[in-house]
Amino acid sequence: MIHRTFLQPFLAAAVLFAACPPSGAQQKNDLVTSLSSDVVSIQSNFTGTEIVIFGQAQNIERQPNDPSSLDLAIVVEGPPQDITTRRKGRFLGVWVNRQAERFQHVPSFYAVASTIDIGAMADRDLLDELGIGLNHINLAVSGVSNVPLADRDDFRKAFIRLREETGLYSEQETSIQFLTDTMFRTNIPLPANIPVGEYKVKSFLFQKGEVVSSTEETLAVAKIGFEQITFELAQYYPLVYGLLAVGLAIFTGWLAGVIFRRD
C-alpha cells in the first residue's frame, strides 16, 4: 500500500504556490511538479495502487484559439533490466522456443501521460531522444541475436504488447487534466507486479513542438516487513535463503506428521 497523510495534498500545493515568483518579478517558462508520495511500500496484501502527479506551468497562458501552445508529457520509468522476448515455433509437431531477442537496459516499468496525442506533440526525432511514448522507447538489443533483421520489428512490437498486457507498460494520451490555466494533475496506475527499485518521474513542457522546461523526480518502490527480509535474503544471501527454505520445509513436514499421526 502507499503511504499518504491527510495533509500531503495541502503541503504539496503550498510548495507549488511557494515556487511561483511574485507578481512583477522576472519570470521564465518554468515547470514545477510534485508527487502525492515519493515512496510506495509493498506488503503481502499489495494489489496495486496509483500515484498522483500534479504541478504548475509558470508564466504560460493557454490561448483559447491555440490549445496546442502548451503541451505536457509525464513519463514514469522503472529501473532498467535486461528482458528476453521469445517466439515459439513447431518442431517435430511440438511447440518450442525457436527465436529470442534480448533487449538490454530497458525500463522495467514505463508509463506516459500527455495532454494531446504524443505523435502531435513534437518531431519524431525529439520524441525518440526524450523517450516519450511507447513507440519512442530505446529498445537496444544484444550483440548476439538469431533473429533476422526483417523480423526484429515484430519482436519489438511483441515485447511492448506483452508488457502492456501485464500492466507494466502504459500510454495514457490526453489524460493530464488542467485544473486552471496553468495547474494540472494526472494519475499513474501501478500494478501489483511492479518491480522494486528507484523510479524516475520526468515531466516535459512543450510549446509549439519545443521543450521549454522539464523536471525530474524520484519515486522509491520497496518491499517492507517480512517480504523485504525474504527479498534481501534471496538476492544477496542465496545460500542462507536456501538453507532456511529447506529447514522450514523439513520442520513443516515433521510438524504435520506429529499433528496428523495416528496412534
Protein backbone atom coordinates (compact mmCIF):
# COMPACT_ATOMS: atom_id res chain seq x y z
CA MET A 1 0.00 0.00 0.00
CA ILE A 2 1.09 3.62 -0.50
CA HIS A 3 1.84 5.89 2.45
CA ARG A 4 -0.24 9.06 2.44
CA THR A 5 -1.28 11.55 5.05
CA PHE A 6 -4.21 13.87 5.14
CA LEU A 7 -2.00 16.96 4.91
CA GLN A 8 0.14 15.83 1.97
CA PRO A 9 -2.01 17.34 -0.83
CA PHE A 10 -2.18 20.67 1.03
CA LEU A 11 1.57 20.71 1.70
CA ALA A 12 2.33 19.86 -1.91
CA ALA A 13 0.02 22.60 -3.13
CA ALA A 14 1.75 25.03 -0.79
CA VAL A 15 5.10 24.04 -2.25
CA LEU A 16 3.80 24.70 -5.76
CA PHE A 17 2.49 28.15 -4.87
CA ALA A 18 5.68 28.99 -2.94
CA ALA A 19 7.70 28.11 -6.00
CA CYS A 20 5.87 30.71 -8.13
CA PRO A 21 7.68 34.05 -8.28
CA PRO A 22 5.84 37.13 -7.04
CA SER A 23 3.95 39.38 -9.42
CA GLY A 24 6.19 41.77 -11.30
CA ALA A 25 9.31 39.63 -10.82
CA GLN A 26 11.39 38.40 -13.75
CA GLN A 27 9.73 35.20 -14.96
CA LYS A 28 10.54 32.50 -17.44
CA ASN A 29 8.83 29.42 -18.80
CA ASP A 30 9.12 27.14 -15.78
CA LEU A 31 7.62 23.86 -14.63
CA VAL A 32 7.01 22.81 -11.02
CA THR A 33 5.79 19.30 -10.19
CA SER A 34 5.14 17.21 -7.10
CA LEU A 35 4.12 13.62 -6.23
CA SER A 36 1.39 12.52 -3.87
CA SER A 37 4.02 10.27 -2.27
CA ASP A 38 7.66 9.57 -3.01
CA VAL A 39 7.57 6.05 -1.52
CA VAL A 40 5.43 3.05 -2.49
CA SER A 41 5.58 0.26 0.09
CA ILE A 42 4.82 -3.29 -0.99
CA GLN A 43 3.43 -5.79 1.52
CA SER A 44 1.94 -9.25 1.11
CA ASN A 45 -1.53 -7.76 0.55
CA PHE A 46 -0.38 -5.29 -2.10
CA THR A 47 -2.78 -5.34 -5.07
CA GLY A 48 -1.57 -2.25 -6.87
CA THR A 49 -2.09 1.45 -6.35
CA GLU A 50 -1.61 4.75 -8.16
CA ILE A 51 0.40 7.91 -7.71
CA VAL A 52 -0.88 11.39 -8.36
CA ILE A 53 1.42 13.83 -10.16
CA PHE A 54 0.43 17.46 -10.13
CA GLY A 55 2.13 20.74 -10.78
CA GLN A 56 2.08 24.16 -12.33
CA ALA A 57 3.49 25.61 -15.52
CA GLN A 58 4.57 29.13 -14.65
CA ASN A 59 4.27 32.16 -16.92
CA ILE A 60 2.42 30.16 -19.60
CA GLU A 61 -1.08 31.11 -20.64
CA ARG A 62 -3.17 28.66 -22.62
CA GLN A 63 -4.57 30.51 -25.58
CA PRO A 64 -8.26 29.71 -26.30
CA ASN A 65 -7.65 29.72 -30.05
CA ASP A 66 -4.35 27.86 -29.85
CA PRO A 67 -4.67 24.96 -27.35
CA SER A 68 -1.51 23.32 -28.69
CA SER A 69 0.61 26.22 -27.44
CA LEU A 70 1.05 24.43 -24.11
CA ASP A 71 1.54 20.66 -24.04
CA LEU A 72 2.71 18.36 -21.27
CA ALA A 73 4.13 14.87 -21.13
CA ILE A 74 4.89 12.95 -17.93
CA VAL A 75 6.98 9.77 -18.05
CA VAL A 76 7.46 7.29 -15.20
CA GLU A 77 10.33 4.83 -15.72
CA GLY A 78 11.33 1.89 -13.54
CA PRO A 79 14.90 0.67 -13.02
CA PRO A 80 16.48 -0.77 -16.21
CA GLN A 81 16.50 -4.52 -16.84
CA ASP A 82 17.62 -6.99 -19.49
CA ILE A 83 14.50 -8.74 -20.81
CA THR A 84 14.24 -11.56 -23.36
CA THR A 85 11.32 -11.97 -25.75
CA ARG A 86 10.88 -15.41 -27.35
CA ARG A 87 8.91 -16.66 -30.32
CA LYS A 88 7.60 -20.21 -30.43
CA GLY A 89 7.61 -22.45 -33.46
CA ARG A 90 6.69 -26.04 -34.29
CA PHE A 91 9.45 -28.64 -34.14
CA LEU A 92 8.51 -32.29 -34.79
CA GLY A 93 4.89 -31.43 -34.00
CA VAL A 94 5.74 -29.73 -30.69
CA TRP A 95 5.66 -26.00 -29.96
CA VAL A 96 9.09 -24.91 -28.69
CA ASN A 97 11.01 -21.65 -28.35
CA ARG A 98 12.76 -21.10 -31.68
CA GLN A 99 13.99 -17.50 -31.72
CA ALA A 100 14.73 -14.99 -28.99
CA GLU A 101 15.63 -11.30 -28.81
CA ARG A 102 17.26 -9.87 -25.71
CA PHE A 103 16.57 -6.20 -25.02
CA GLN A 104 19.19 -4.53 -22.85
CA HIS A 105 18.70 -1.85 -20.21
CA VAL A 106 15.03 -1.28 -20.98
CA PRO A 107 12.67 0.21 -18.38
CA SER A 108 11.20 -2.47 -16.11
CA PHE A 109 8.15 -0.21 -15.82
CA TYR A 110 7.06 2.54 -18.20
CA ALA A 111 4.04 4.83 -18.14
CA VAL A 112 3.44 8.04 -20.04
CA ALA A 113 0.64 10.58 -19.76
CA SER A 114 0.11 13.55 -22.04
CA THR A 115 -2.24 16.40 -22.80
CA ILE A 116 -2.55 15.58 -26.52
CA ASP A 117 -1.69 12.72 -28.85
CA ILE A 118 2.02 12.07 -28.40
CA GLY A 119 2.73 11.96 -32.12
CA ALA A 120 1.38 15.51 -32.47
CA MET A 121 3.42 16.88 -29.58
CA ALA A 122 6.83 17.18 -31.29
CA ASP A 123 9.01 15.82 -34.08
CA ARG A 124 9.74 12.11 -34.02
CA ASP A 125 13.46 12.67 -33.52
CA LEU A 126 12.83 14.73 -30.38
CA LEU A 127 10.38 12.16 -29.00
CA ASP A 128 12.95 9.42 -29.67
CA GLU A 129 15.65 11.42 -27.90
CA LEU A 130 13.49 12.01 -24.83
CA GLY A 131 11.88 8.55 -24.88
CA ILE A 132 8.32 9.86 -24.76
CA GLY A 133 5.76 7.28 -25.90
CA LEU A 134 5.79 3.52 -26.35
CA ASN A 135 6.84 3.92 -29.97
CA HIS A 136 9.83 6.02 -28.94
CA ILE A 137 11.43 3.90 -26.20
CA ASN A 138 15.03 2.96 -26.93
CA LEU A 139 14.95 -0.85 -27.05
CA ALA A 140 18.60 -1.75 -27.58
CA VAL A 141 19.22 -5.40 -28.48
CA SER A 142 22.18 -7.55 -27.51
CA GLY A 143 25.02 -8.09 -29.94
CA VAL A 144 24.23 -11.80 -30.22
CA SER A 145 20.86 -12.47 -31.85
CA ASN A 146 19.41 -15.24 -34.00
CA VAL A 147 16.55 -13.04 -35.20
CA PRO A 148 16.68 -11.88 -38.86
CA LEU A 149 16.78 -8.10 -39.31
CA ALA A 150 13.44 -8.23 -41.13
CA ASP A 151 11.77 -9.76 -38.04
CA ARG A 152 13.22 -7.50 -35.35
CA ASP A 153 10.38 -5.01 -35.57
CA ASP A 154 7.93 -7.84 -34.87
CA PHE A 155 9.86 -8.71 -31.70
CA ARG A 156 9.80 -5.08 -30.60
CA LYS A 157 6.02 -4.91 -31.08
CA ALA A 158 5.56 -8.23 -29.26
CA PHE A 159 7.73 -7.03 -26.38
CA ILE A 160 5.68 -3.87 -25.89
CA ARG A 161 2.38 -5.75 -26.29
CA LEU A 162 3.34 -8.32 -23.63
CA ARG A 163 4.43 -5.59 -21.23
CA GLU A 164 1.13 -3.76 -21.78
CA GLU A 165 -0.83 -6.94 -21.06
CA THR A 166 0.90 -7.31 -17.68
CA GLY A 167 0.26 -3.64 -16.84
CA LEU A 168 3.95 -2.76 -16.74
CA TYR A 169 3.78 -0.51 -19.80
CA SER A 170 1.00 2.00 -20.47
CA GLU A 171 0.31 5.05 -22.58
CA GLN A 172 -2.40 7.47 -21.48
CA GLU A 173 -2.81 10.16 -24.10
CA THR A 174 -4.97 13.19 -23.23
CA SER A 175 -5.08 12.05 -19.59
CA ILE A 176 -3.48 15.13 -17.98
CA GLN A 177 -6.17 17.39 -16.56
CA PHE A 178 -5.72 21.15 -16.26
CA LEU A 179 -7.30 22.40 -13.03
CA THR A 180 -6.66 26.02 -14.04
CA ASP A 181 -4.94 27.65 -16.99
CA THR A 182 -1.58 26.57 -15.60
CA MET A 183 -2.16 23.95 -12.87
CA PHE A 184 -2.53 20.28 -13.81
CA ARG A 185 -2.72 16.74 -12.42
CA THR A 186 -2.72 13.14 -13.61
CA ASN A 187 -2.91 9.64 -12.10
CA ILE A 188 -0.41 6.90 -12.94
CA PRO A 189 -1.55 3.33 -12.07
CA LEU A 190 1.00 0.98 -10.52
CA PRO A 191 0.14 -2.75 -10.90
CA ALA A 192 0.57 -5.41 -8.24
CA ASN A 193 3.57 -6.92 -10.10
CA ILE A 194 5.52 -3.66 -10.19
CA PRO A 195 9.31 -4.22 -9.76
CA VAL A 196 11.06 -2.71 -6.76
CA GLY A 197 13.73 -0.06 -7.13
CA GLU A 198 14.17 3.64 -7.80
CA TYR A 199 11.86 5.17 -10.40
CA LYS A 200 12.27 8.36 -12.40
CA VAL A 201 9.34 10.71 -12.88
CA LYS A 202 10.14 13.07 -15.76
CA SER A 203 7.88 15.92 -16.84
CA PHE A 204 8.28 17.88 -20.08
CA LEU A 205 6.65 21.15 -21.01
CA PHE A 206 6.31 21.70 -24.76
CA GLN A 207 5.46 24.91 -26.51
CA LYS A 208 4.81 24.60 -30.22
CA GLY A 209 6.84 21.42 -30.51
CA GLU A 210 9.84 22.55 -28.46
CA VAL A 211 10.78 21.66 -24.88
CA VAL A 212 10.80 24.85 -22.83
CA SER A 213 11.11 23.28 -19.38
CA SER A 214 11.47 19.90 -17.71
CA THR A 215 11.69 18.36 -14.25
CA GLU A 216 12.81 15.02 -12.84
CA GLU A 217 11.89 13.46 -9.50
CA THR A 218 12.48 10.07 -7.93
CA LEU A 219 10.00 7.54 -6.61
CA ALA A 220 11.06 4.62 -4.43
CA VAL A 221 9.21 1.29 -4.69
CA ALA A 222 10.28 -1.07 -1.92
CA LYS A 223 9.14 -4.12 -0.05
CA ILE A 224 8.71 -3.80 3.71
CA GLY A 225 8.43 -6.20 6.62
CA PHE A 226 8.82 -9.95 6.08
CA GLU A 227 8.66 -9.53 2.29
CA GLN A 228 11.71 -7.24 2.38
CA ILE A 229 13.68 -9.67 4.55
CA THR A 230 12.85 -12.56 2.21
CA PHE A 231 13.73 -10.49 -0.86
CA GLU A 232 17.12 -9.41 0.54
CA LEU A 233 17.98 -12.96 1.61
CA ALA A 234 17.16 -14.34 -1.84
CA GLN A 235 19.05 -11.55 -3.64
CA TYR A 236 22.15 -11.13 -1.51
CA TYR A 237 22.43 -14.32 0.61
CA PRO A 238 21.12 -17.14 -1.62
CA LEU A 239 22.89 -19.89 0.37
CA VAL A 240 21.35 -18.75 3.65
CA TYR A 241 17.98 -18.37 1.95
CA GLY A 242 18.20 -21.90 0.52
CA LEU A 243 19.18 -23.43 3.86
CA LEU A 244 16.35 -21.63 5.65
CA ALA A 245 13.86 -22.75 3.00
CA VAL A 246 14.98 -26.39 3.29
CA GLY A 247 14.93 -26.19 7.08
CA LEU A 248 11.44 -24.69 7.07
CA ALA A 249 10.20 -27.40 4.72
CA ILE A 250 11.63 -30.15 6.93
CA PHE A 251 10.15 -28.59 10.07
CA THR A 252 6.74 -28.16 8.42
CA GLY A 253 6.75 -31.79 7.28
CA TRP A 254 7.73 -33.01 10.74
CA LEU A 255 5.08 -30.83 12.41
CA ALA A 256 2.38 -32.11 10.04
CA GLY A 257 3.43 -35.67 10.80
CA VAL A 258 3.15 -35.07 14.53
CA ILE A 259 -0.26 -33.41 14.26
CA PHE A 260 -1.84 -35.99 11.98
CA ARG A 261 -0.08 -39.04 13.36
CA ARG A 262 -2.41 -41.88 14.14
CA ASP A 263 -1.98 -43.83 17.34
